[in-house]
Amino acid sequence: QVQFVESGGGLVQPGGSLRLSCTGSGRISSRYAMSWYRQAPGKKRELVAAITRAGDNSIYADSVKGRFTISRDNAENTVALEMNNLKPENTAVYFCQAVNGALDTYWGQGTQVNVSS
């Protein structure tokens, strides 16, 4: 079974940047549409960004447009989320999600992002 592991979280000051990565254990190639979600304490998990299997289209939550960028490298089995100008309200556990053509859904274990001075 394919597994996905996130990395790159940590503590950053407001205005700072982080780059999250999600790596698949197997060959993800173009089999999976990939997304980043986040869940803050006491809140529902929400979509942050998503990218198509070929990487030719992406969508973003309104709150992160212009600051976050999702990208993928199918040859390296990775999906990244570049986060700039981070704000305290971006503090959350960030999860990657993979969905294949049969709508099988896989989640990573999450990586913690803390934005604080």
N, C-alpha and C. Protein backbone atom coordinates (compact mmCIF):
# COMPACT_ATOMS: atom_id res chain seq x y z
N GLN A 1 0.85 -1.19 0.00
CA GLN A 1 0.00 0.00 0.00
C GLN A 1 0.88 1.24 0.00
N VAL A 2 0.49 2.20 -0.78
CA VAL A 2 1.26 3.44 -0.85
C VAL A 2 1.09 4.22 0.44
N GLN A 3 2.17 4.80 0.91
CA GLN A 3 2.13 5.67 2.06
C GLN A 3 2.71 7.03 1.71
N PHE A 4 2.23 8.05 2.40
CA PHE A 4 2.70 9.40 2.15
C PHE A 4 3.19 10.00 3.46
N VAL A 5 4.35 10.62 3.41
CA VAL A 5 4.97 11.17 4.62
C VAL A 5 5.28 12.64 4.39
N GLU A 6 4.78 13.48 5.31
CA GLU A 6 5.06 14.91 5.24
C GLU A 6 6.31 15.25 6.03
N SER A 7 6.96 16.34 5.63
CA SER A 7 8.10 16.86 6.37
C SER A 7 8.20 18.36 6.10
N GLY A 8 9.03 19.02 6.90
CA GLY A 8 9.29 20.43 6.67
C GLY A 8 8.60 21.39 7.61
N GLY A 9 7.76 20.87 8.50
CA GLY A 9 7.11 21.76 9.46
C GLY A 9 8.09 22.27 10.50
N GLY A 10 7.61 23.21 11.31
CA GLY A 10 8.46 23.75 12.37
C GLY A 10 7.91 25.05 12.88
N LEU A 11 8.76 25.76 13.61
CA LEU A 11 8.41 27.05 14.19
C LEU A 11 9.00 28.16 13.34
N VAL A 12 8.18 29.13 12.99
CA VAL A 12 8.65 30.25 12.18
C VAL A 12 7.98 31.52 12.68
N GLN A 13 8.67 32.62 12.53
CA GLN A 13 8.11 33.91 12.95
C GLN A 13 7.13 34.42 11.90
N PRO A 14 6.19 35.24 12.31
CA PRO A 14 5.28 35.85 11.34
C PRO A 14 6.07 36.55 10.23
N GLY A 15 5.61 36.37 9.01
CA GLY A 15 6.32 36.91 7.86
C GLY A 15 7.34 35.97 7.27
N GLY A 16 7.62 34.90 7.97
CA GLY A 16 8.62 33.95 7.51
C GLY A 16 8.08 32.95 6.49
N SER A 17 8.93 32.01 6.11
CA SER A 17 8.57 31.03 5.08
C SER A 17 8.92 29.63 5.54
N LEU A 18 8.16 28.68 5.02
CA LEU A 18 8.45 27.26 5.20
C LEU A 18 8.12 26.54 3.90
N ARG A 19 8.81 25.43 3.69
CA ARG A 19 8.50 24.58 2.54
C ARG A 19 8.18 23.18 3.06
N LEU A 20 6.96 22.75 2.85
CA LEU A 20 6.54 21.41 3.25
C LEU A 20 6.70 20.46 2.07
N SER A 21 7.04 19.23 2.38
CA SER A 21 7.14 18.20 1.35
C SER A 21 6.31 16.99 1.74
N CYS A 22 5.79 16.34 0.74
CA CYS A 22 5.04 15.09 0.93
C CYS A 22 5.62 14.08 -0.05
N THR A 23 6.14 13.00 0.47
CA THR A 23 6.79 12.00 -0.37
C THR A 23 6.02 10.69 -0.31
N GLY A 24 5.74 10.13 -1.48
CA GLY A 24 5.07 8.85 -1.56
C GLY A 24 6.06 7.70 -1.48
N SER A 25 5.65 6.62 -0.83
CA SER A 25 6.55 5.49 -0.66
C SER A 25 6.73 4.69 -1.94
N GLY A 26 5.75 4.82 -2.82
CA GLY A 26 5.86 4.12 -4.09
C GLY A 26 5.88 5.11 -5.22
N ARG A 27 5.73 4.59 -6.38
CA ARG A 27 5.73 5.47 -7.54
C ARG A 27 4.37 6.12 -7.66
N ILE A 28 4.31 7.41 -7.37
CA ILE A 28 3.01 8.09 -7.45
C ILE A 28 2.76 8.58 -8.85
N SER A 29 3.86 8.93 -9.53
CA SER A 29 3.78 9.38 -10.90
C SER A 29 2.58 10.30 -11.08
N SER A 30 1.76 10.01 -12.04
CA SER A 30 0.58 10.83 -12.29
C SER A 30 -0.69 10.11 -11.84
N ARG A 31 -0.58 9.14 -10.95
CA ARG A 31 -1.74 8.36 -10.54
C ARG A 31 -2.65 9.11 -9.57
N TYR A 32 -2.07 10.07 -8.85
CA TYR A 32 -2.81 10.68 -7.76
C TYR A 32 -2.96 12.19 -7.94
N ALA A 33 -4.17 12.68 -7.74
CA ALA A 33 -4.34 14.10 -7.51
C ALA A 33 -3.92 14.36 -6.07
N MET A 34 -3.19 15.42 -5.84
CA MET A 34 -2.61 15.66 -4.52
C MET A 34 -3.13 16.98 -3.94
N SER A 35 -3.30 16.97 -2.64
CA SER A 35 -3.78 18.17 -1.95
C SER A 35 -3.05 18.33 -0.63
N TRP A 36 -3.06 19.55 -0.15
CA TRP A 36 -2.62 19.87 1.21
C TRP A 36 -3.84 20.36 1.98
N TYR A 37 -4.02 19.81 3.15
CA TYR A 37 -5.05 20.25 4.08
C TYR A 37 -4.37 20.69 5.38
N ARG A 38 -5.10 21.39 6.20
CA ARG A 38 -4.58 21.73 7.52
C ARG A 38 -5.71 21.68 8.54
N GLN A 39 -5.30 21.45 9.77
CA GLN A 39 -6.26 21.41 10.86
C GLN A 39 -5.69 22.13 12.07
N ALA A 40 -6.32 23.22 12.43
CA ALA A 40 -5.93 23.98 13.61
C ALA A 40 -6.67 23.43 14.82
N PRO A 41 -6.14 23.64 16.02
CA PRO A 41 -6.81 23.14 17.23
C PRO A 41 -8.25 23.61 17.33
N GLY A 42 -9.15 22.66 17.54
CA GLY A 42 -10.55 23.00 17.70
C GLY A 42 -11.30 23.32 16.42
N LYS A 43 -10.62 23.14 15.28
CA LYS A 43 -11.25 23.47 14.00
C LYS A 43 -11.29 22.25 13.09
N LYS A 44 -12.14 22.34 12.07
CA LYS A 44 -12.24 21.27 11.10
C LYS A 44 -11.03 21.30 10.15
N ARG A 45 -10.72 20.14 9.61
CA ARG A 45 -9.68 20.08 8.59
C ARG A 45 -10.17 20.81 7.35
N GLU A 46 -9.30 21.64 6.77
CA GLU A 46 -9.70 22.43 5.61
C GLU A 46 -8.68 22.30 4.49
N LEU A 47 -9.21 22.45 3.27
CA LEU A 47 -8.35 22.40 2.10
C LEU A 47 -7.50 23.66 2.01
N VAL A 48 -6.21 23.50 1.76
CA VAL A 48 -5.31 24.62 1.55
C VAL A 48 -5.01 24.80 0.07
N ALA A 49 -4.62 23.72 -0.58
CA ALA A 49 -4.27 23.78 -2.01
C ALA A 49 -4.37 22.38 -2.60
N ALA A 50 -4.58 22.33 -3.91
CA ALA A 50 -4.66 21.05 -4.60
C ALA A 50 -4.04 21.19 -5.98
N ILE A 51 -3.53 20.08 -6.50
CA ILE A 51 -2.88 20.09 -7.80
C ILE A 51 -3.29 18.84 -8.56
N THR A 52 -3.47 19.01 -9.87
CA THR A 52 -3.90 17.89 -10.69
C THR A 52 -2.79 16.86 -10.86
N ARG A 53 -3.15 15.73 -11.41
CA ARG A 53 -2.18 14.64 -11.56
C ARG A 53 -0.99 15.05 -12.42
N ALA A 54 -1.27 15.80 -13.45
CA ALA A 54 -0.18 16.22 -14.35
C ALA A 54 0.53 17.46 -13.86
N GLY A 55 -0.03 18.08 -12.84
CA GLY A 55 0.58 19.31 -12.32
C GLY A 55 0.29 20.53 -13.16
N ASP A 56 -0.73 20.45 -14.01
CA ASP A 56 -0.99 21.56 -14.92
C ASP A 56 -2.07 22.50 -14.42
N ASN A 57 -2.62 22.22 -13.25
CA ASN A 57 -3.63 23.11 -12.71
C ASN A 57 -3.64 22.97 -11.19
N SER A 58 -3.94 24.06 -10.53
CA SER A 58 -3.97 24.04 -9.07
C SER A 58 -5.03 25.02 -8.56
N ILE A 59 -5.47 24.79 -7.35
CA ILE A 59 -6.42 25.69 -6.70
C ILE A 59 -5.94 25.98 -5.29
N TYR A 60 -6.41 27.09 -4.74
CA TYR A 60 -5.98 27.51 -3.42
C TYR A 60 -7.15 28.04 -2.62
N ALA A 61 -7.06 27.88 -1.31
CA ALA A 61 -8.00 28.55 -0.44
C ALA A 61 -7.78 30.06 -0.56
N ASP A 62 -8.84 30.82 -0.47
CA ASP A 62 -8.73 32.27 -0.63
C ASP A 62 -7.72 32.87 0.35
N SER A 63 -7.65 32.31 1.54
CA SER A 63 -6.81 32.89 2.59
C SER A 63 -5.32 32.73 2.31
N VAL A 64 -4.94 31.85 1.38
CA VAL A 64 -3.52 31.62 1.12
C VAL A 64 -3.10 32.03 -0.30
N LYS A 65 -4.05 32.46 -1.10
CA LYS A 65 -3.73 32.85 -2.48
C LYS A 65 -2.69 33.95 -2.49
N GLY A 66 -1.69 33.78 -3.35
CA GLY A 66 -0.62 34.76 -3.46
C GLY A 66 0.51 34.55 -2.47
N ARG A 67 0.30 33.68 -1.48
CA ARG A 67 1.35 33.44 -0.48
C ARG A 67 1.85 32.00 -0.52
N PHE A 68 0.98 31.06 -0.84
CA PHE A 68 1.33 29.64 -0.87
C PHE A 68 1.38 29.16 -2.31
N THR A 69 2.28 28.22 -2.59
CA THR A 69 2.37 27.62 -3.92
C THR A 69 2.52 26.11 -3.78
N ILE A 70 1.66 25.38 -4.47
CA ILE A 70 1.75 23.92 -4.49
C ILE A 70 2.43 23.50 -5.78
N SER A 71 3.27 22.49 -5.70
CA SER A 71 3.96 21.97 -6.88
C SER A 71 4.19 20.48 -6.69
N ARG A 72 4.51 19.81 -7.79
CA ARG A 72 4.78 18.38 -7.69
C ARG A 72 5.90 17.98 -8.63
N ASP A 73 6.60 16.95 -8.25
CA ASP A 73 7.64 16.36 -9.07
C ASP A 73 7.35 14.87 -9.12
N ASN A 74 6.69 14.46 -10.17
CA ASN A 74 6.27 13.06 -10.25
C ASN A 74 7.46 12.11 -10.34
N ALA A 75 8.53 12.55 -10.92
CA ALA A 75 9.71 11.70 -11.02
C ALA A 75 10.32 11.43 -9.65
N GLU A 76 10.16 12.40 -8.73
CA GLU A 76 10.70 12.26 -7.39
C GLU A 76 9.64 11.84 -6.38
N ASN A 77 8.42 11.61 -6.86
CA ASN A 77 7.31 11.19 -5.97
C ASN A 77 7.06 12.19 -4.84
N THR A 78 7.18 13.47 -5.14
CA THR A 78 6.98 14.46 -4.09
C THR A 78 6.00 15.55 -4.51
N VAL A 79 5.35 16.08 -3.51
CA VAL A 79 4.51 17.26 -3.67
C VAL A 79 4.95 18.25 -2.60
N ALA A 80 5.08 19.49 -2.99
CA ALA A 80 5.57 20.50 -2.06
C ALA A 80 4.53 21.60 -1.87
N LEU A 81 4.63 22.24 -0.73
CA LEU A 81 3.83 23.44 -0.45
C LEU A 81 4.78 24.51 0.05
N GLU A 82 5.01 25.50 -0.78
CA GLU A 82 5.85 26.63 -0.42
C GLU A 82 4.95 27.67 0.25
N MET A 83 5.29 28.04 1.48
CA MET A 83 4.46 28.97 2.24
C MET A 83 5.27 30.21 2.58
N ASN A 84 4.82 31.35 2.12
CA ASN A 84 5.50 32.62 2.35
C ASN A 84 4.61 33.57 3.14
N ASN A 85 5.25 34.56 3.74
CA ASN A 85 4.52 35.56 4.52
C ASN A 85 3.55 34.88 5.49
N LEU A 86 4.06 33.96 6.26
CA LEU A 86 3.21 33.19 7.17
C LEU A 86 2.64 34.07 8.27
N LYS A 87 1.43 33.72 8.69
CA LYS A 87 0.71 34.46 9.71
C LYS A 87 0.39 33.53 10.88
N PRO A 88 0.18 34.08 12.06
CA PRO A 88 -0.15 33.21 13.20
C PRO A 88 -1.35 32.31 12.94
N GLU A 89 -2.30 32.79 12.17
CA GLU A 89 -3.49 31.98 11.88
C GLU A 89 -3.20 30.81 10.94
N ASN A 90 -2.00 30.74 10.42
CA ASN A 90 -1.60 29.58 9.61
C ASN A 90 -1.10 28.42 10.47
N THR A 91 -1.01 28.64 11.77
CA THR A 91 -0.59 27.58 12.68
C THR A 91 -1.59 26.43 12.63
N ALA A 92 -1.09 25.23 12.34
CA ALA A 92 -1.95 24.06 12.20
C ALA A 92 -1.08 22.84 11.94
N VAL A 93 -1.71 21.69 11.95
CA VAL A 93 -1.07 20.48 11.43
C VAL A 93 -1.43 20.40 9.96
N TYR A 94 -0.43 20.25 9.12
CA TYR A 94 -0.64 20.21 7.68
C TYR A 94 -0.53 18.75 7.21
N PHE A 95 -1.51 18.33 6.42
CA PHE A 95 -1.59 16.97 5.92
C PHE A 95 -1.57 16.96 4.40
N CYS A 96 -0.93 15.98 3.83
CA CYS A 96 -1.09 15.79 2.39
C CYS A 96 -2.11 14.67 2.17
N GLN A 97 -2.84 14.82 1.07
CA GLN A 97 -3.87 13.85 0.70
C GLN A 97 -3.63 13.44 -0.74
N ALA A 98 -3.79 12.15 -1.00
CA ALA A 98 -3.66 11.62 -2.35
C ALA A 98 -4.94 10.89 -2.73
N VAL A 99 -5.43 11.14 -3.93
CA VAL A 99 -6.64 10.49 -4.42
C VAL A 99 -6.36 9.94 -5.81
N ASN A 100 -6.61 8.65 -5.99
CA ASN A 100 -6.37 8.06 -7.32
C ASN A 100 -7.66 8.05 -8.15
N GLY A 101 -7.57 7.48 -9.32
CA GLY A 101 -8.70 7.48 -10.23
C GLY A 101 -9.91 6.72 -9.72
N ALA A 102 -9.67 5.77 -8.83
CA ALA A 102 -10.78 5.01 -8.23
C ALA A 102 -11.32 5.70 -6.99
N LEU A 103 -10.83 6.88 -6.71
CA LEU A 103 -11.20 7.69 -5.55
C LEU A 103 -10.76 7.08 -4.23
N ASP A 104 -9.76 6.20 -4.28
CA ASP A 104 -9.13 5.75 -3.03
C ASP A 104 -8.35 6.93 -2.47
N THR A 105 -8.50 7.16 -1.19
CA THR A 105 -7.90 8.34 -0.57
C THR A 105 -6.89 7.94 0.49
N TYR A 106 -5.73 8.58 0.45
CA TYR A 106 -4.66 8.31 1.40
C TYR A 106 -4.24 9.61 2.05
N TRP A 107 -3.90 9.51 3.34
CA TRP A 107 -3.46 10.68 4.11
C TRP A 107 -2.09 10.41 4.71
N GLY A 108 -1.29 11.46 4.80
CA GLY A 108 -0.08 11.39 5.57
C GLY A 108 -0.38 11.59 7.04
N GLN A 109 0.66 11.53 7.86
CA GLN A 109 0.47 11.63 9.31
C GLN A 109 0.42 13.07 9.79
N GLY A 110 0.82 13.99 8.93
CA GLY A 110 0.77 15.41 9.26
C GLY A 110 2.11 15.95 9.75
N THR A 111 2.29 17.24 9.56
CA THR A 111 3.47 17.94 10.06
C THR A 111 3.01 19.25 10.68
N GLN A 112 3.56 19.56 11.84
CA GLN A 112 3.11 20.72 12.61
C GLN A 112 3.79 21.99 12.13
N VAL A 113 3.01 23.01 11.91
CA VAL A 113 3.52 24.34 11.57
C VAL A 113 3.07 25.30 12.65
N ASN A 114 4.01 25.97 13.27
CA ASN A 114 3.73 26.98 14.29
C ASN A 114 4.29 28.31 13.84
N VAL A 115 3.41 29.31 13.78
CA VAL A 115 3.81 30.65 13.39
C VAL A 115 3.64 31.55 14.61
N SER A 116 4.75 31.95 15.17
CA SER A 116 4.70 32.72 16.42
C SER A 116 5.97 33.52 16.60
N SER A 117 5.83 34.67 17.24
CA SER A 117 6.99 35.47 17.55
C SER A 117 7.49 35.16 18.95
